Amino acid sequence: MTIKDIARLSGYSLGTVSRVLNNHPDVSQAARERVMAVVQEQGFEPNTNARHLKLQAQSAIAVLVKGSQNLLFAGILERIQSLLQDSEEEVYVAYLDEDADEVQYAVQLVKLRRPKGFLFLGGDLECFRREFHQITVPCVLLTNDAQSLGFGNLSSFTTDDTAAAGAVIEYLYRHGHRRIGVLGGNLASEQISLKRLRGVQNTMQRLGLPFDARSQHVPCRFSMAEGYAAARRLLEREPELTALFALGDVIALGAMRAIYDLGLRVPEDISIVGYDGINETRFCIPRLTTIRQDAAQLAARGVQTLLQAIHYKHPPVYETIDFALLEHESVGSVEPQ
């Protein structure tokens, strides 16, 4: 027996039944008597079971994850679930395709499950511009910046992807690399990879380095298999490259295997840098130099802000979380040409 059953048997709405069970004054006497009659007929004691019924009526917090092979998102999600469990919140998780319209999915989920709030792991800002106005519950977007969108119920926490990608190019430049290839992402949507690509292009231009996206960049999805295939295509096409920048660690891990299969060595023949700082990069051979995103901080601030918006109607928050370049073993120095 749930609050929906009481609503059906009494003939009143879920909202009316909830107000009766919680002793709200804005309910007619007729409605109160009918709802309480159904409660008694079904063997409930209102004073002891009202809270139980209310909890069953509450909807879950929905977490929408873009891409099933993004290990950074897996780490953030694990922390989110733990934090929400500690707050006695029910969690509904849905994995979406990397190129799916996450806002359209959320709009449908509102109709089917009526979640009390959303956490988006990854997101295309164009989808938010086009459809987010249909969502009224509090939401938080992680790993992309929603401030420019101006929605009163959408907060965001992200890394400065443009600056972080620029830091990678500067790091490779200091080690003598002038011919640098890029793996992953695309320029067709406003997802996180677009800002990383802009950081690459801006920094290469500032340093006077040649960069032709048509020859030095191979787009791919965030997976090891895609990283492997992209690295092979790029290195077979541009064998003079001395370094690769993968826009995700999972892409870099696949690329490292491709480099080995091509008879090359990391970092003796070619250097590689990843992005995300997932735990797996500490155990590959060689250990991967990478940009570390603070998964723990992203999860903690996202959950805290969403719960404050749900329970206390706090206004939206927009924050940039610090990144760090972790120097490990996958970058060597070369003589500048």
Protein backbone atom coordinates (compact mmCIF):
# COMPACT_ATOMS: atom_id res chain seq x y z
CA MET A 1 0.00 0.00 0.00
CA THR A 2 1.42 3.39 -1.05
CA ILE A 3 0.15 6.93 -1.14
CA LYS A 4 -0.83 6.34 -4.78
CA ASP A 5 -3.15 3.52 -3.65
CA ILE A 6 -4.78 5.76 -1.03
CA ALA A 7 -5.27 8.46 -3.67
CA ARG A 8 -6.88 5.97 -6.04
CA LEU A 9 -9.19 4.49 -3.41
CA SER A 10 -10.21 7.86 -1.96
CA GLY A 11 -10.67 9.61 -5.29
CA TYR A 12 -8.42 12.51 -4.31
CA SER A 13 -5.10 13.69 -5.79
CA LEU A 14 -1.68 12.72 -4.47
CA GLY A 15 -1.18 16.27 -3.23
CA THR A 16 -4.42 16.27 -1.27
CA VAL A 17 -3.67 12.89 0.30
CA SER A 18 -0.18 14.05 1.25
CA ARG A 19 -1.55 17.18 2.92
CA VAL A 20 -4.09 15.14 4.87
CA LEU A 21 -1.46 12.68 6.10
CA ASN A 22 0.79 15.54 7.18
CA ASN A 23 -2.03 17.46 8.90
CA HIS A 24 -1.89 20.48 6.63
CA PRO A 25 -4.75 22.93 7.28
CA ASP A 26 -5.54 23.69 3.61
CA VAL A 27 -7.71 20.60 3.06
CA SER A 28 -11.51 20.42 3.08
CA GLN A 29 -13.19 18.49 5.87
CA ALA A 30 -14.80 16.15 3.34
CA ALA A 31 -11.42 15.29 1.80
CA ARG A 32 -9.82 14.78 5.20
CA GLU A 33 -12.60 12.43 6.34
CA ARG A 34 -12.55 10.39 3.14
CA VAL A 35 -8.75 9.97 3.06
CA MET A 36 -8.60 9.02 6.74
CA ALA A 37 -11.44 6.53 6.22
CA VAL A 38 -9.43 4.79 3.48
CA VAL A 39 -6.33 4.76 5.69
CA GLN A 40 -8.31 3.10 8.48
CA GLU A 41 -10.02 0.63 6.13
CA GLN A 42 -6.62 -0.50 4.90
CA GLY A 43 -5.34 -1.08 8.42
CA PHE A 44 -3.05 1.94 8.79
CA GLU A 45 -2.65 4.00 11.93
CA PRO A 46 -2.31 7.60 10.67
CA ASN A 47 -0.18 8.85 13.56
CA THR A 48 2.47 6.13 13.10
CA ASN A 49 2.39 5.53 9.36
CA ALA A 50 1.97 8.96 7.82
CA ARG A 51 5.73 9.48 7.59
CA HIS A 52 6.17 6.04 6.01
CA LEU A 53 3.58 6.87 3.37
CA LYS A 54 5.14 10.25 2.73
CA LEU A 55 8.55 8.70 2.17
CA GLN A 56 7.10 6.29 -0.35
CA ALA A 57 5.49 9.21 -2.16
CA GLN A 58 8.78 11.09 -2.52
CA SER A 59 10.51 10.68 -5.85
CA ALA A 60 14.17 9.84 -6.32
CA ILE A 61 17.00 12.09 -7.39
CA ALA A 62 17.87 11.19 -10.98
CA VAL A 63 21.50 10.99 -12.14
CA LEU A 64 21.97 10.98 -15.92
CA VAL A 65 25.39 9.80 -17.11
CA LYS A 66 26.51 10.53 -20.67
CA GLY A 67 28.58 7.61 -21.93
CA SER A 68 28.94 4.18 -20.37
CA GLN A 69 32.75 3.89 -20.71
CA ASN A 70 33.83 7.18 -19.15
CA LEU A 71 35.78 6.10 -16.06
CA LEU A 72 35.86 9.63 -14.65
CA PHE A 73 32.07 9.65 -14.57
CA ALA A 74 32.10 6.21 -12.93
CA GLY A 75 34.25 7.60 -10.12
CA ILE A 76 32.06 10.69 -9.68
CA LEU A 77 28.89 8.58 -9.73
CA GLU A 78 30.19 6.26 -7.00
CA ARG A 79 30.79 9.27 -4.76
CA ILE A 80 27.40 10.81 -5.60
CA GLN A 81 25.57 7.62 -4.68
CA SER A 82 27.43 7.37 -1.38
CA LEU A 83 26.71 11.00 -0.48
CA LEU A 84 23.02 10.72 -1.35
CA GLN A 85 22.71 7.47 0.61
CA ASP A 86 24.20 9.24 3.63
CA SER A 87 21.48 11.87 3.19
CA GLU A 88 18.80 9.12 3.00
CA GLU A 89 17.95 10.04 -0.58
CA GLU A 90 16.82 7.49 -3.15
CA VAL A 91 18.83 7.54 -6.39
CA TYR A 92 17.80 6.65 -9.92
CA VAL A 93 20.73 6.28 -12.38
CA ALA A 94 20.45 6.19 -16.17
CA TYR A 95 23.36 5.73 -18.58
CA LEU A 96 22.84 7.49 -21.90
CA ASP A 97 24.72 7.24 -25.17
CA GLU A 98 27.55 9.74 -25.47
CA ASP A 99 25.69 11.53 -28.27
CA ALA A 100 22.20 11.29 -26.73
CA ASP A 101 20.02 14.31 -25.93
CA GLU A 102 20.18 14.18 -22.15
CA VAL A 103 17.69 17.02 -21.63
CA GLN A 104 15.06 15.36 -23.82
CA TYR A 105 15.51 12.21 -21.75
CA ALA A 106 15.12 14.23 -18.55
CA VAL A 107 11.92 15.84 -19.82
CA GLN A 108 10.42 12.39 -20.42
CA LEU A 109 11.65 11.18 -17.04
CA VAL A 110 9.83 14.04 -15.33
CA LYS A 111 6.58 12.73 -16.79
CA LEU A 112 7.27 9.08 -15.93
CA ARG A 113 9.01 9.21 -12.54
CA ARG A 114 8.62 12.79 -11.27
CA PRO A 115 12.16 13.04 -9.81
CA LYS A 116 12.73 15.71 -7.21
CA GLY A 117 15.96 16.80 -8.89
CA PHE A 118 18.60 15.92 -11.50
CA LEU A 119 22.37 15.56 -11.57
CA PHE A 120 23.75 15.58 -15.12
CA LEU A 121 27.20 14.03 -15.61
CA GLY A 122 28.28 15.62 -18.86
CA GLY A 123 26.03 17.63 -21.11
CA ASP A 124 25.65 19.41 -24.43
CA LEU A 125 24.79 23.06 -23.78
CA GLU A 126 22.80 23.28 -27.01
CA CYS A 127 20.39 20.64 -25.68
CA PHE A 128 19.95 22.71 -22.52
CA ARG A 129 19.29 25.90 -24.48
CA ARG A 130 16.71 24.19 -26.62
CA GLU A 131 14.72 22.15 -24.09
CA PHE A 132 15.65 22.77 -20.45
CA HIS A 133 12.88 25.35 -19.93
CA GLN A 134 10.49 22.38 -19.65
CA ILE A 135 12.17 21.22 -16.42
CA THR A 136 11.26 23.04 -13.20
CA VAL A 137 12.89 20.89 -10.48
CA PRO A 138 16.39 21.76 -9.18
CA CYS A 139 19.26 20.47 -11.33
CA VAL A 140 23.06 20.41 -11.31
CA LEU A 141 25.31 19.97 -14.34
CA LEU A 142 28.75 18.49 -13.64
CA THR A 143 31.78 18.94 -15.96
CA ASN A 144 30.24 21.69 -18.10
CA ASP A 145 29.45 25.34 -17.34
CA ALA A 146 25.77 26.35 -17.27
CA GLN A 147 26.20 29.96 -16.14
CA SER A 148 25.70 31.45 -19.60
CA LEU A 149 22.33 29.68 -19.91
CA GLY A 150 20.74 31.71 -17.13
CA PHE A 151 18.28 29.11 -15.80
CA GLY A 152 17.21 29.73 -12.21
CA ASN A 153 17.08 26.02 -11.36
CA LEU A 154 20.36 24.88 -12.95
CA SER A 155 23.71 25.01 -11.13
CA SER A 156 27.03 23.78 -12.52
CA PHE A 157 30.49 22.69 -11.40
CA THR A 158 33.26 22.21 -13.90
CA THR A 159 36.97 22.25 -14.59
CA ASP A 160 38.39 25.07 -16.71
CA ASP A 161 38.83 22.77 -19.70
CA THR A 162 40.24 25.48 -21.96
CA ALA A 163 42.96 26.42 -19.47
CA ALA A 164 43.75 22.78 -18.65
CA ALA A 165 44.18 21.83 -22.32
CA GLY A 166 46.38 24.87 -22.79
CA ALA A 167 48.52 23.75 -19.84
CA VAL A 168 49.07 20.39 -21.57
CA ILE A 169 50.28 22.04 -24.78
CA GLU A 170 52.58 24.35 -22.84
CA TYR A 171 53.98 21.35 -20.92
CA LEU A 172 54.71 19.47 -24.14
CA TYR A 173 56.24 22.61 -25.64
CA ARG A 174 58.62 22.94 -22.68
CA HIS A 175 59.74 19.37 -23.38
CA GLY A 176 60.63 20.29 -26.95
CA HIS A 177 57.54 18.97 -28.76
CA ARG A 178 56.45 20.99 -31.77
CA ARG A 179 54.41 18.42 -33.75
CA ILE A 180 51.49 17.48 -31.53
CA GLY A 181 48.43 15.43 -32.43
CA VAL A 182 45.06 15.43 -30.66
CA LEU A 183 42.71 12.50 -30.08
CA GLY A 184 39.03 12.64 -29.16
CA GLY A 185 36.05 14.92 -29.03
CA ASN A 186 34.48 16.85 -31.86
CA LEU A 187 33.68 20.41 -32.91
CA ALA A 188 30.05 19.72 -33.73
CA SER A 189 28.52 20.08 -30.26
CA GLU A 190 28.98 22.12 -27.11
CA GLN A 191 30.19 19.27 -24.96
CA ILE A 192 33.28 19.33 -22.78
CA SER A 193 35.62 18.28 -25.59
CA LEU A 194 34.90 21.50 -27.52
CA LYS A 195 36.48 23.65 -24.79
CA ARG A 196 39.51 21.37 -24.65
CA LEU A 197 39.96 21.63 -28.39
CA ARG A 198 39.70 25.41 -28.17
CA GLY A 199 42.39 25.39 -25.49
CA VAL A 200 44.64 23.37 -27.80
CA GLN A 201 44.07 25.65 -30.78
CA ASN A 202 44.49 28.89 -28.83
CA THR A 203 47.69 27.78 -27.14
CA MET A 204 49.24 26.30 -30.28
CA GLN A 205 48.56 29.58 -32.08
CA ARG A 206 50.02 31.64 -29.22
CA LEU A 207 53.19 29.48 -29.19
CA GLY A 208 53.54 29.68 -32.96
CA LEU A 209 53.07 25.95 -33.43
CA PRO A 210 51.50 24.48 -36.57
CA PHE A 211 48.09 22.92 -36.00
CA ASP A 212 45.81 21.81 -38.79
CA ALA A 213 42.74 20.17 -37.25
CA ARG A 214 42.07 18.26 -40.46
CA SER A 215 45.41 16.45 -40.27
CA GLN A 216 46.45 16.63 -36.60
CA HIS A 217 43.13 15.84 -34.90
CA VAL A 218 41.14 12.61 -35.04
CA PRO A 219 37.70 12.84 -33.37
CA CYS A 220 36.54 9.83 -31.39
CA ARG A 221 34.26 8.81 -28.55
CA PHE A 222 35.47 8.37 -24.97
CA SER A 223 36.48 4.70 -24.93
CA MET A 224 39.69 2.66 -25.11
CA ALA A 225 38.65 0.99 -28.36
CA GLU A 226 37.94 4.34 -30.02
CA GLY A 227 41.22 5.74 -28.67
CA TYR A 228 43.09 2.78 -30.11
CA ALA A 229 41.56 3.20 -33.58
CA ALA A 230 42.01 6.98 -33.58
CA ALA A 231 45.67 6.76 -32.58
CA ARG A 232 46.44 4.26 -35.34
CA ARG A 233 44.76 6.46 -37.95
CA LEU A 234 46.55 9.58 -36.78
CA LEU A 235 50.04 8.07 -36.48
CA GLU A 236 49.81 6.26 -39.79
CA ARG A 237 48.72 9.50 -41.43
CA GLU A 238 51.14 11.82 -39.57
CA PRO A 239 54.23 9.75 -38.64
CA GLU A 240 56.28 12.88 -37.84
CA LEU A 241 54.25 13.63 -34.71
CA THR A 242 56.28 13.48 -31.51
CA ALA A 243 53.45 13.78 -28.97
CA LEU A 244 49.75 13.03 -28.59
CA PHE A 245 47.21 14.75 -26.36
CA ALA A 246 44.18 12.54 -25.66
CA LEU A 247 41.12 14.47 -24.46
CA GLY A 248 40.26 11.66 -22.03
CA ASP A 249 42.30 9.10 -20.11
CA VAL A 250 40.33 6.19 -21.54
CA ILE A 251 41.24 7.44 -25.01
CA ALA A 252 44.90 7.68 -23.96
CA LEU A 253 44.94 4.13 -22.60
CA GLY A 254 43.68 2.79 -25.91
CA ALA A 255 46.16 4.96 -27.78
CA MET A 256 49.08 3.59 -25.76
CA ARG A 257 48.26 0.09 -26.96
CA ALA A 258 48.03 1.33 -30.54
CA ILE A 259 51.46 2.94 -30.23
CA TYR A 260 52.89 -0.37 -28.99
CA ASP A 261 51.22 -2.31 -31.82
CA LEU A 262 52.78 0.08 -34.34
CA GLY A 263 56.21 -0.89 -33.03
CA LEU A 264 56.78 2.38 -31.15
CA ARG A 265 57.58 3.08 -27.51
CA VAL A 266 56.20 5.56 -24.95
CA PRO A 267 57.85 7.95 -24.29
CA GLU A 268 61.04 7.09 -26.21
CA ASP A 269 59.41 7.37 -29.66
CA ILE A 270 56.25 9.30 -28.89
CA SER A 271 54.92 11.05 -25.78
CA ILE A 272 51.31 11.07 -24.66
CA VAL A 273 49.23 13.05 -22.16
CA GLY A 274 45.70 12.21 -21.01
CA TYR A 275 42.90 14.09 -19.30
CA ASP A 276 40.83 13.27 -16.18
CA GLY A 277 43.29 11.71 -13.72
CA ILE A 278 41.45 8.41 -13.25
CA ASN A 279 43.03 5.83 -10.93
CA GLU A 280 43.84 3.42 -13.75
CA THR A 281 46.48 5.80 -15.14
CA ARG A 282 48.70 5.06 -12.12
CA PHE A 283 48.93 1.37 -13.01
CA CYS A 284 49.54 1.33 -16.77
CA ILE A 285 53.08 1.05 -18.16
CA PRO A 286 54.36 3.70 -18.32
CA ARG A 287 52.24 5.68 -15.86
CA LEU A 288 50.25 8.26 -17.79
CA THR A 289 50.89 11.98 -17.44
CA THR A 290 47.45 13.56 -17.23
CA ILE A 291 45.23 16.43 -16.13
CA ARG A 292 43.51 15.52 -12.87
CA GLN A 293 39.94 16.64 -12.42
CA ASP A 294 38.88 16.66 -8.77
CA ALA A 295 36.15 13.98 -8.87
CA ALA A 296 35.59 14.07 -5.11
CA GLN A 297 35.07 17.83 -5.08
CA LEU A 298 32.82 17.77 -8.14
CA ALA A 299 30.61 15.13 -6.52
CA ALA A 300 30.53 16.77 -3.10
CA ARG A 301 29.70 20.27 -4.34
CA GLY A 302 27.16 18.93 -6.82
CA VAL A 303 25.25 16.91 -4.22
CA GLN A 304 25.43 19.63 -1.57
CA THR A 305 24.11 22.28 -3.95
CA LEU A 306 21.32 20.08 -5.30
CA LEU A 307 20.07 19.17 -1.81
CA GLN A 308 20.14 22.82 -0.75
CA ALA A 309 18.11 23.76 -3.82
CA ILE A 310 15.60 20.96 -3.19
CA HIS A 311 15.09 21.50 0.54
CA TYR A 312 15.86 25.22 1.01
CA LYS A 313 15.21 26.75 -2.43
CA HIS A 314 18.76 28.08 -2.72
CA PRO A 315 19.60 29.99 -5.94
CA PRO A 316 21.89 28.43 -8.56
CA VAL A 317 25.63 28.16 -7.99
CA TYR A 318 28.36 28.17 -10.65
CA GLU A 319 31.87 27.12 -9.67
CA THR A 320 35.10 26.17 -11.40
CA ILE A 321 36.99 23.38 -9.61
CA ASP A 322 40.81 23.47 -9.70
CA PHE A 323 42.74 21.03 -11.91
CA ALA A 324 46.30 19.72 -11.64
CA LEU A 325 48.75 18.42 -14.24
CA LEU A 326 50.16 15.15 -12.90
CA GLU A 327 53.64 14.47 -14.29
CA HIS A 328 54.22 10.73 -14.52
CA GLU A 329 56.22 8.69 -17.05
CA SER A 330 54.62 9.06 -20.48
CA VAL A 331 56.31 12.28 -21.66
CA GLY A 332 59.91 12.50 -22.78
CA SER A 333 61.97 15.43 -24.01
CA VAL A 334 62.97 15.95 -27.64
CA GLU A 335 65.17 18.44 -29.45
CA PRO A 336 62.93 21.18 -30.88
CA GLN A 337 62.84 21.17 -34.68
